[in-house]
Amino acid sequence: MRLLHTSDWHIGRTFHGHATLDALRGVLLELAEAVRRERVDAVLVAGDVFDSATPAAAAFELFEEAVLAIRAAGAAVVMTSGNHDSAARLGHQAPFAAAGGVHVRTRADAVDEPVVLRDEHGEVDVYGIPYLEPLLLGERTHAAALGAAMDRVRAAAAIRGNRGVVLAHCFASTGVVPQAAGGERDITAGGLDIVPSSVFDGTDGARIDYVALGHLHSRVRLAEHVRYAGAPLHYSFGETSPLRGAWLIDLDADGLAAVRWLDLPVPRRLTEIAGPLARLLEDEALIGAEQDWVQAVLTDPVRQQDAMARLRERFPFVARLEHRPEGVRPADARSYGERTAGLPDAALIAGFLEHVRAGAGPSDAESALVAEVLSTVAAAERAA
């Protein structure tokens, strides 16, 4: 059996304010062509199908077009909801979709009910774990919520005895999650706390042959059978990997037989250019960057007038501009995490309000409300 692992489509997301629907349409339709070319049996989509819990009509139209193209190419579809999706909206009429070969798993209470695929060697059970909100499940961390879900998956897998594949949307790591004295330390990436990859381990009686992860936007190999595919498009300049694609997974009678990377087209490369504005506008070495998404760092001693407009005359897709004078150190070069380490929650909230309100902090009434909410949350955590 051949599976294709993809994730984080983020339909409807913009790239620094620029629409991406047309570019994403081309990539997803190419993915459907790859399904036909590579004779893929099922496409796995590990969460964040949409970028918003309330997608626009155009986003739904692209979703339908992509899924129908994959089905027409001959593959079933198994997808789960991510932290950006509305599980209720994505899972609406899931039983009807399953009848057409599109299996949407969004229910936390059904993680041990696999989608059953079949090949000449027998059955392959695909367990779809949606993004799990810990507090709604009575857990304190995402690791605990996923651990409980995987216990149920392993129990079901042990009874069924088939080859097993798991989809999950989380921030997994092979490292040990550090803990501060006196309790857990909250370490997050995009709002998700770290989950040790060992959560997905199988047992002698419960086979987990492949784990298809979503949330990180670049491909990552945590183990031979535990991987992130990344997003099909670049959605920020922070996504440094130039590669976009998906994993092709082959299962034989004994389980995982091979994994290989499938390249998908990159509609527009990411490029950073740096230097004085006059030089960037004339440098012949930058001819190859003129149709890229450009992040420009200007090193002029003083800010240049109409810098973005002038850059766009040569680089029409410049999306981000930063002024970083050469030889001048910022007043505070520490990261946000370093500047806020140790600050109480109330101070962090007040600082955020000052930032978004151009210096106006919370009113007395707002401060009282924040204190009340934080007190309630603290009491709930103690009770747990």
Protein backbone atom coordinates (compact mmCIF):
# COMPACT_ATOMS: atom_id res chain seq x y z
CA MET A 1 0.00 0.00 0.00
CA ARG A 2 1.22 3.47 -0.83
CA LEU A 3 0.24 6.49 1.27
CA LEU A 4 1.01 10.16 0.77
CA HIS A 5 1.53 12.24 3.91
CA THR A 6 0.77 15.96 3.70
CA SER A 7 -0.45 18.55 6.20
CA ASP A 8 -1.00 22.22 7.00
CA TRP A 9 -2.72 23.31 3.81
CA HIS A 10 -3.92 26.45 5.64
CA ILE A 11 -6.43 27.24 2.92
CA GLY A 12 -7.24 30.96 3.11
CA ARG A 13 -3.98 32.08 4.72
CA THR A 14 -2.15 35.09 3.34
CA PHE A 15 1.59 35.59 2.91
CA HIS A 16 2.42 38.88 4.63
CA GLY A 17 -0.89 40.28 3.42
CA HIS A 18 -0.79 38.74 -0.07
CA ALA A 19 -3.46 36.22 -1.15
CA THR A 20 -2.25 32.65 -1.67
CA LEU A 21 -5.34 30.82 -2.96
CA ASP A 22 -4.25 30.72 -6.60
CA ALA A 23 -0.74 29.53 -5.74
CA LEU A 24 -2.09 26.88 -3.37
CA ARG A 25 -4.58 25.70 -5.98
CA GLY A 26 -1.74 25.00 -8.39
CA VAL A 27 0.26 23.09 -5.78
CA LEU A 28 -2.69 20.97 -4.59
CA LEU A 29 -3.70 20.11 -8.14
CA GLU A 30 -0.10 19.07 -8.81
CA LEU A 31 -0.33 16.92 -5.67
CA ALA A 32 -3.38 15.24 -7.21
CA GLU A 33 -1.41 14.59 -10.39
CA ALA A 34 1.34 13.02 -8.27
CA VAL A 35 -1.28 10.76 -6.68
CA ARG A 36 -2.16 9.47 -10.14
CA ARG A 37 1.46 9.24 -11.29
CA GLU A 38 2.72 7.47 -8.15
CA ARG A 39 -0.36 5.24 -7.81
CA VAL A 40 -1.11 6.44 -4.29
CA ASP A 41 -3.83 4.54 -2.43
CA ALA A 42 -4.62 7.15 0.23
CA VAL A 43 -3.68 10.75 1.02
CA LEU A 44 -3.21 11.63 4.70
CA VAL A 45 -3.78 15.28 5.71
CA ALA A 46 -2.55 15.84 9.28
CA GLY A 47 -4.53 18.89 10.34
CA ASP A 48 -4.81 22.63 9.68
CA VAL A 49 -6.71 22.08 6.48
CA PHE A 50 -8.03 25.63 6.75
CA ASP A 51 -6.30 28.65 8.27
CA SER A 52 -9.41 29.85 10.06
CA ALA A 53 -12.26 28.35 12.02
CA THR A 54 -14.58 30.35 9.74
CA PRO A 55 -13.21 29.95 6.20
CA ALA A 56 -14.44 32.17 3.40
CA ALA A 57 -16.47 30.71 0.54
CA ALA A 58 -13.44 30.80 -1.78
CA ALA A 59 -11.49 28.66 0.71
CA PHE A 60 -14.26 26.04 0.78
CA GLU A 61 -14.34 26.03 -3.01
CA LEU A 62 -10.59 25.32 -3.20
CA PHE A 63 -10.94 22.60 -0.54
CA GLU A 64 -13.65 20.87 -2.57
CA GLU A 65 -11.69 21.21 -5.80
CA ALA A 66 -8.52 19.73 -4.28
CA VAL A 67 -10.26 16.82 -2.56
CA LEU A 68 -12.29 15.94 -5.66
CA ALA A 69 -9.10 16.03 -7.76
CA ILE A 70 -7.39 13.62 -5.34
CA ARG A 71 -10.39 11.28 -5.42
CA ALA A 72 -10.50 11.44 -9.21
CA ALA A 73 -6.82 10.49 -9.26
CA GLY A 74 -7.71 7.28 -7.45
CA ALA A 75 -6.82 7.84 -3.78
CA ALA A 76 -8.93 7.83 -0.65
CA VAL A 77 -8.48 10.78 1.71
CA VAL A 78 -8.02 10.66 5.47
CA MET A 79 -7.81 14.03 7.23
CA THR A 80 -7.93 15.37 10.75
CA SER A 81 -8.59 18.81 12.19
CA GLY A 82 -5.74 21.00 13.46
CA ASN A 83 -5.63 23.86 15.93
CA HIS A 84 -6.56 26.34 13.17
CA ASP A 85 -9.60 24.36 12.03
CA SER A 86 -13.10 24.30 13.43
CA ALA A 87 -13.57 20.62 14.20
CA ALA A 88 -17.35 21.02 13.97
CA ARG A 89 -17.26 22.70 10.55
CA LEU A 90 -14.62 20.40 9.07
CA GLY A 91 -16.37 17.32 10.42
CA HIS A 92 -19.84 18.38 9.30
CA GLN A 93 -21.48 15.50 7.43
CA ALA A 94 -18.38 13.34 7.84
CA PRO A 95 -20.39 10.09 7.52
CA PHE A 96 -21.65 11.20 4.10
CA ALA A 97 -18.12 12.16 3.03
CA ALA A 98 -16.81 8.76 4.14
CA ALA A 99 -19.24 7.08 1.77
CA GLY A 100 -17.38 8.90 -1.02
CA GLY A 101 -13.93 7.88 0.19
CA VAL A 102 -13.14 11.06 2.16
CA HIS A 103 -12.67 10.24 5.84
CA VAL A 104 -12.68 13.29 8.15
CA ARG A 105 -11.73 12.63 11.77
CA THR A 106 -12.50 15.48 14.17
CA ARG A 107 -13.95 13.78 17.26
CA ALA A 108 -11.79 13.27 20.34
CA ASP A 109 -14.06 10.44 21.49
CA ALA A 110 -13.48 8.41 18.32
CA VAL A 111 -9.67 8.27 18.12
CA ASP A 112 -9.72 4.47 18.58
CA GLU A 113 -12.07 3.95 15.61
CA PRO A 114 -9.76 3.55 12.60
CA VAL A 115 -10.34 4.14 8.94
CA VAL A 116 -9.75 0.67 7.50
CA LEU A 117 -7.85 0.46 4.21
CA ARG A 118 -7.13 -2.82 2.40
CA ASP A 119 -4.46 -4.18 0.08
CA GLU A 120 -3.27 -7.61 -0.99
CA HIS A 121 -1.67 -8.17 2.43
CA GLY A 122 -4.80 -7.42 4.46
CA GLU A 123 -6.02 -4.42 6.43
CA VAL A 124 -4.27 -1.18 7.39
CA ASP A 125 -5.86 0.75 10.25
CA VAL A 126 -5.49 4.55 10.05
CA TYR A 127 -6.16 6.30 13.37
CA GLY A 128 -6.95 10.00 13.00
CA ILE A 129 -6.30 12.05 16.14
CA PRO A 130 -7.67 15.60 15.80
CA TYR A 131 -6.03 18.50 17.59
CA LEU A 132 -6.88 17.94 21.26
CA GLU A 133 -7.54 20.94 23.49
CA PRO A 134 -6.20 19.76 26.88
CA LEU A 135 -8.51 21.79 29.14
CA LEU A 136 -11.62 20.55 27.34
CA LEU A 137 -10.47 16.98 27.99
CA GLY A 138 -9.59 17.52 31.62
CA GLU A 139 -5.84 17.46 30.95
CA ARG A 140 -3.21 20.08 31.81
CA THR A 141 -0.92 19.62 28.79
CA HIS A 142 -1.16 18.58 25.18
CA ALA A 143 1.30 15.77 25.93
CA ALA A 144 -1.09 14.34 28.51
CA ALA A 145 -4.06 14.65 26.15
CA LEU A 146 -2.18 12.91 23.33
CA GLY A 147 -0.86 10.29 25.72
CA ALA A 148 -4.40 9.38 26.75
CA ALA A 149 -5.50 9.29 23.11
CA MET A 150 -2.59 7.05 22.14
CA ASP A 151 -3.39 4.68 25.01
CA ARG A 152 -6.79 4.20 23.44
CA VAL A 153 -5.25 3.77 19.99
CA ARG A 154 -2.80 1.16 21.26
CA ALA A 155 -5.58 -0.73 23.05
CA ALA A 156 -7.61 -0.87 19.84
CA ALA A 157 -4.57 -1.78 17.73
CA ALA A 158 -3.67 -4.63 20.06
CA ILE A 159 -7.12 -6.12 19.66
CA ARG A 160 -7.28 -5.65 15.88
CA GLY A 161 -3.73 -6.81 15.15
CA ASN A 162 -3.40 -4.96 11.84
CA ARG A 163 -0.73 -2.68 10.44
CA GLY A 164 -1.29 0.75 11.97
CA VAL A 165 -0.87 4.39 10.91
CA VAL A 166 -1.52 7.41 13.15
CA LEU A 167 -2.27 11.04 12.17
CA ALA A 168 -1.78 13.75 14.80
CA HIS A 169 -1.39 17.53 14.94
CA CYS A 170 1.09 18.66 17.58
CA PHE A 171 4.58 19.99 18.28
CA ALA A 172 6.55 16.79 18.87
CA SER A 173 10.20 16.54 19.85
CA THR A 174 12.69 13.77 20.47
CA GLY A 175 14.24 15.79 23.31
CA VAL A 176 13.27 15.87 26.96
CA VAL A 177 10.87 18.68 27.86
CA PRO A 178 12.63 20.79 30.52
CA GLN A 179 10.83 21.40 33.77
CA ALA A 180 11.23 24.30 36.13
CA ALA A 181 11.45 23.79 39.86
CA GLY A 182 8.05 23.42 41.43
CA GLY A 183 6.09 22.39 38.34
CA GLU A 184 5.83 22.09 34.60
CA ARG A 185 7.35 24.68 32.33
CA ASP A 186 5.08 25.79 29.52
CA ILE A 187 7.03 25.55 26.26
CA THR A 188 5.01 26.35 23.18
CA ALA A 189 5.27 26.61 19.41
CA GLY A 190 2.28 28.29 17.83
CA GLY A 191 0.26 27.71 20.98
CA LEU A 192 0.94 23.97 21.25
CA ASP A 193 3.06 22.66 24.10
CA ILE A 194 5.78 20.15 23.30
CA VAL A 195 4.90 16.46 23.06
CA PRO A 196 7.68 13.85 23.39
CA SER A 197 7.74 11.72 20.25
CA SER A 198 7.78 8.62 22.46
CA VAL A 199 4.03 9.23 22.99
CA PHE A 200 3.54 7.59 19.59
CA ASP A 201 5.53 4.43 20.31
CA GLY A 202 3.83 1.14 19.61
CA THR A 203 4.07 -2.01 21.70
CA ASP A 204 4.61 -5.69 20.94
CA GLY A 205 0.87 -6.11 20.69
CA ALA A 206 -0.02 -2.77 19.09
CA ARG A 207 1.67 -1.95 15.79
CA ILE A 208 2.31 1.68 14.89
CA ASP A 209 4.06 1.48 11.53
CA TYR A 210 3.96 5.19 10.62
CA VAL A 211 3.07 8.46 12.36
CA ALA A 212 2.02 11.33 10.08
CA LEU A 213 2.41 14.60 11.97
CA GLY A 214 1.20 18.11 11.24
CA HIS A 215 1.83 21.58 12.71
CA LEU A 216 5.45 22.34 11.73
CA HIS A 217 5.68 23.94 8.29
CA SER A 218 8.95 22.34 7.17
CA ARG A 219 9.69 18.66 6.74
CA VAL A 220 11.16 17.03 9.85
CA ARG A 221 12.23 13.45 10.50
CA LEU A 222 11.95 12.53 14.19
CA ALA A 223 12.40 8.83 13.48
CA GLU A 224 12.21 6.67 10.39
CA HIS A 225 8.49 6.19 11.00
CA VAL A 226 7.66 9.55 12.67
CA ARG A 227 7.74 12.59 10.38
CA TYR A 228 6.39 16.03 9.55
CA ALA A 229 5.66 16.76 5.89
CA GLY A 230 5.40 20.53 6.34
CA ALA A 231 3.09 22.95 4.54
CA PRO A 232 2.65 22.85 0.73
CA LEU A 233 3.38 26.60 0.50
CA HIS A 234 5.66 29.01 2.28
CA TYR A 235 3.52 31.10 4.61
CA SER A 236 6.20 33.23 6.26
CA PHE A 237 9.85 34.20 5.89
CA GLY A 238 10.50 32.19 9.03
CA GLU A 239 10.01 28.97 7.04
CA THR A 240 13.61 28.71 5.98
CA SER A 241 13.48 25.34 4.21
CA PRO A 242 13.23 25.93 0.46
CA LEU A 243 11.62 22.50 -0.07
CA ARG A 244 7.88 21.97 -0.30
CA GLY A 245 6.41 18.53 -0.73
CA ALA A 246 5.04 15.40 0.91
CA TRP A 247 6.20 11.97 2.08
CA LEU A 248 5.42 8.83 0.07
CA ILE A 249 5.08 5.85 2.41
CA ASP A 250 5.11 2.25 1.25
CA LEU A 251 3.73 -0.49 3.50
CA ASP A 252 4.27 -4.16 2.78
CA ALA A 253 3.07 -7.24 4.66
CA ASP A 254 5.52 -6.58 7.49
CA GLY A 255 4.80 -2.87 7.93
CA LEU A 256 6.88 0.12 6.87
CA ALA A 257 8.90 -0.76 3.76
CA ALA A 258 10.10 2.63 2.45
CA VAL A 259 9.69 6.39 2.80
CA ARG A 260 10.74 8.88 0.15
CA TRP A 261 10.25 12.58 -0.44
CA LEU A 262 7.98 13.91 -3.17
CA ASP A 263 8.85 17.44 -4.32
CA LEU A 264 6.00 19.83 -5.01
CA PRO A 265 6.40 23.04 -7.03
CA VAL A 266 7.38 26.25 -5.22
CA PRO A 267 5.38 29.01 -6.94
CA ARG A 268 7.61 31.76 -5.60
CA ARG A 269 10.91 31.44 -3.72
CA LEU A 270 11.76 33.27 -0.51
CA THR A 271 14.75 35.61 -0.69
CA GLU A 272 16.33 38.04 1.74
CA ILE A 273 18.32 40.94 0.38
CA ALA A 274 20.33 43.35 2.51
CA GLY A 275 22.26 46.54 1.94
CA PRO A 276 21.82 50.25 1.26
CA LEU A 277 18.71 51.02 -0.78
CA ALA A 278 20.65 52.50 -3.73
CA ARG A 279 22.78 49.39 -4.07
CA LEU A 280 19.79 47.01 -3.88
CA LEU A 281 18.11 48.90 -6.71
CA GLU A 282 21.13 48.54 -8.99
CA ASP A 283 22.95 45.33 -7.99
CA GLU A 284 23.02 43.01 -11.03
CA ALA A 285 23.64 40.03 -8.77
CA LEU A 286 20.02 40.34 -7.60
CA ILE A 287 18.46 39.89 -11.04
CA GLY A 288 17.48 36.33 -10.09
CA ALA A 289 15.49 37.58 -7.10
CA GLU A 290 13.26 39.99 -8.96
CA GLN A 291 10.27 37.59 -9.10
CA ASP A 292 10.76 36.15 -5.60
CA TRP A 293 9.01 36.94 -2.35
CA VAL A 294 11.55 39.41 -1.01
CA GLN A 295 12.40 40.40 2.54
CA ALA A 296 14.55 43.52 2.35
CA VAL A 297 16.88 44.71 5.11
CA LEU A 298 18.03 48.27 4.55
CA THR A 299 21.35 49.18 6.14
CA ASP A 300 21.31 52.91 5.31
CA PRO A 301 22.28 55.12 8.28
CA VAL A 302 18.87 56.85 8.10
CA ARG A 303 15.48 55.67 6.88
CA GLN A 304 14.98 56.19 3.17
CA GLN A 305 11.91 57.99 1.86
CA ASP A 306 9.37 55.80 0.00
CA ALA A 307 11.69 52.81 0.38
CA MET A 308 8.99 50.15 -0.14
CA ALA A 309 7.58 51.83 -3.26
CA ARG A 310 11.04 52.22 -4.75
CA LEU A 311 11.93 48.60 -4.02
CA ARG A 312 8.71 47.40 -5.67
CA GLU A 313 9.73 49.05 -8.92
CA ARG A 314 12.42 46.38 -9.18
CA PHE A 315 11.09 43.67 -6.82
CA PRO A 316 7.30 43.65 -7.31
CA PHE A 317 6.83 40.95 -4.68
CA VAL A 318 8.76 42.54 -1.84
CA ALA A 319 6.64 41.67 1.17
CA ARG A 320 8.63 42.78 4.18
CA LEU A 321 10.95 45.69 4.89
CA GLU A 322 13.22 46.20 7.87
CA HIS A 323 15.56 49.08 8.66
CA ARG A 324 18.73 47.81 10.33
CA PRO A 325 21.49 50.46 10.12
CA GLU A 326 24.90 48.92 9.72
CA GLY A 327 26.98 49.09 12.88
CA VAL A 328 24.06 50.25 15.06
CA ARG A 329 22.99 47.91 17.84
CA PRO A 330 19.28 47.98 18.77
CA ALA A 331 18.49 49.42 22.19
CA ASP A 332 17.45 45.96 23.38
CA ALA A 333 18.61 43.08 21.21
CA ARG A 334 17.19 40.40 23.46
CA SER A 335 14.45 38.11 22.15
CA TYR A 336 10.88 38.58 23.32
CA GLY A 337 11.25 35.46 25.47
CA GLU A 338 14.37 36.85 27.13
CA ARG A 339 12.73 40.22 27.79
CA THR A 340 9.62 38.69 29.36
CA ALA A 341 11.15 35.77 31.25
CA GLY A 342 9.90 35.72 34.83
CA LEU A 343 7.24 38.39 34.38
CA PRO A 344 3.86 37.56 35.94
CA ASP A 345 0.90 36.99 33.63
CA ALA A 346 -0.74 40.28 34.60
CA ALA A 347 2.38 42.21 33.56
CA LEU A 348 2.55 40.38 30.22
CA ILE A 349 -1.08 41.25 29.47
CA ALA A 350 -0.56 44.88 30.47
CA GLY A 351 2.52 45.08 28.23
CA PHE A 352 0.61 43.62 25.30
CA LEU A 353 -2.18 46.18 25.71
CA GLU A 354 0.35 49.00 25.87
CA HIS A 355 1.92 47.73 22.64
CA VAL A 356 -1.29 47.42 20.61
CA ARG A 357 -2.70 50.68 22.01
CA ALA A 358 0.39 52.74 21.31
CA GLY A 359 1.30 53.19 24.98
CA ALA A 360 -2.12 53.15 26.64
CA GLY A 361 -2.18 50.39 29.23
CA PRO A 362 -5.21 48.67 30.79
CA SER A 363 -7.82 50.70 32.64
CA ASP A 364 -8.55 50.00 36.31
CA ALA A 365 -11.64 48.02 35.30
CA GLU A 366 -9.65 45.95 32.80
CA SER A 367 -6.91 45.29 35.35
CA ALA A 368 -9.53 44.09 37.82
CA LEU A 369 -11.06 41.80 35.17
CA VAL A 370 -7.64 40.36 34.28
CA ALA A 371 -6.91 39.70 37.95
CA GLU A 372 -10.25 37.93 38.36
CA VAL A 373 -9.69 35.71 35.32
CA LEU A 374 -6.14 34.81 36.35
CA SER A 375 -7.36 33.97 39.86
CA THR A 376 -10.07 31.69 38.43
CA VAL A 377 -7.56 29.90 36.16
CA ALA A 378 -5.14 29.42 39.06
CA ALA A 379 -7.90 27.95 41.22
CA ALA A 380 -8.91 25.55 38.45
CA GLU A 381 -5.30 24.39 38.00
CA ARG A 382 -4.95 23.79 41.75
CA ALA A 383 -8.17 21.79 41.77
CA ALA A 384 -6.93 19.68 38.86
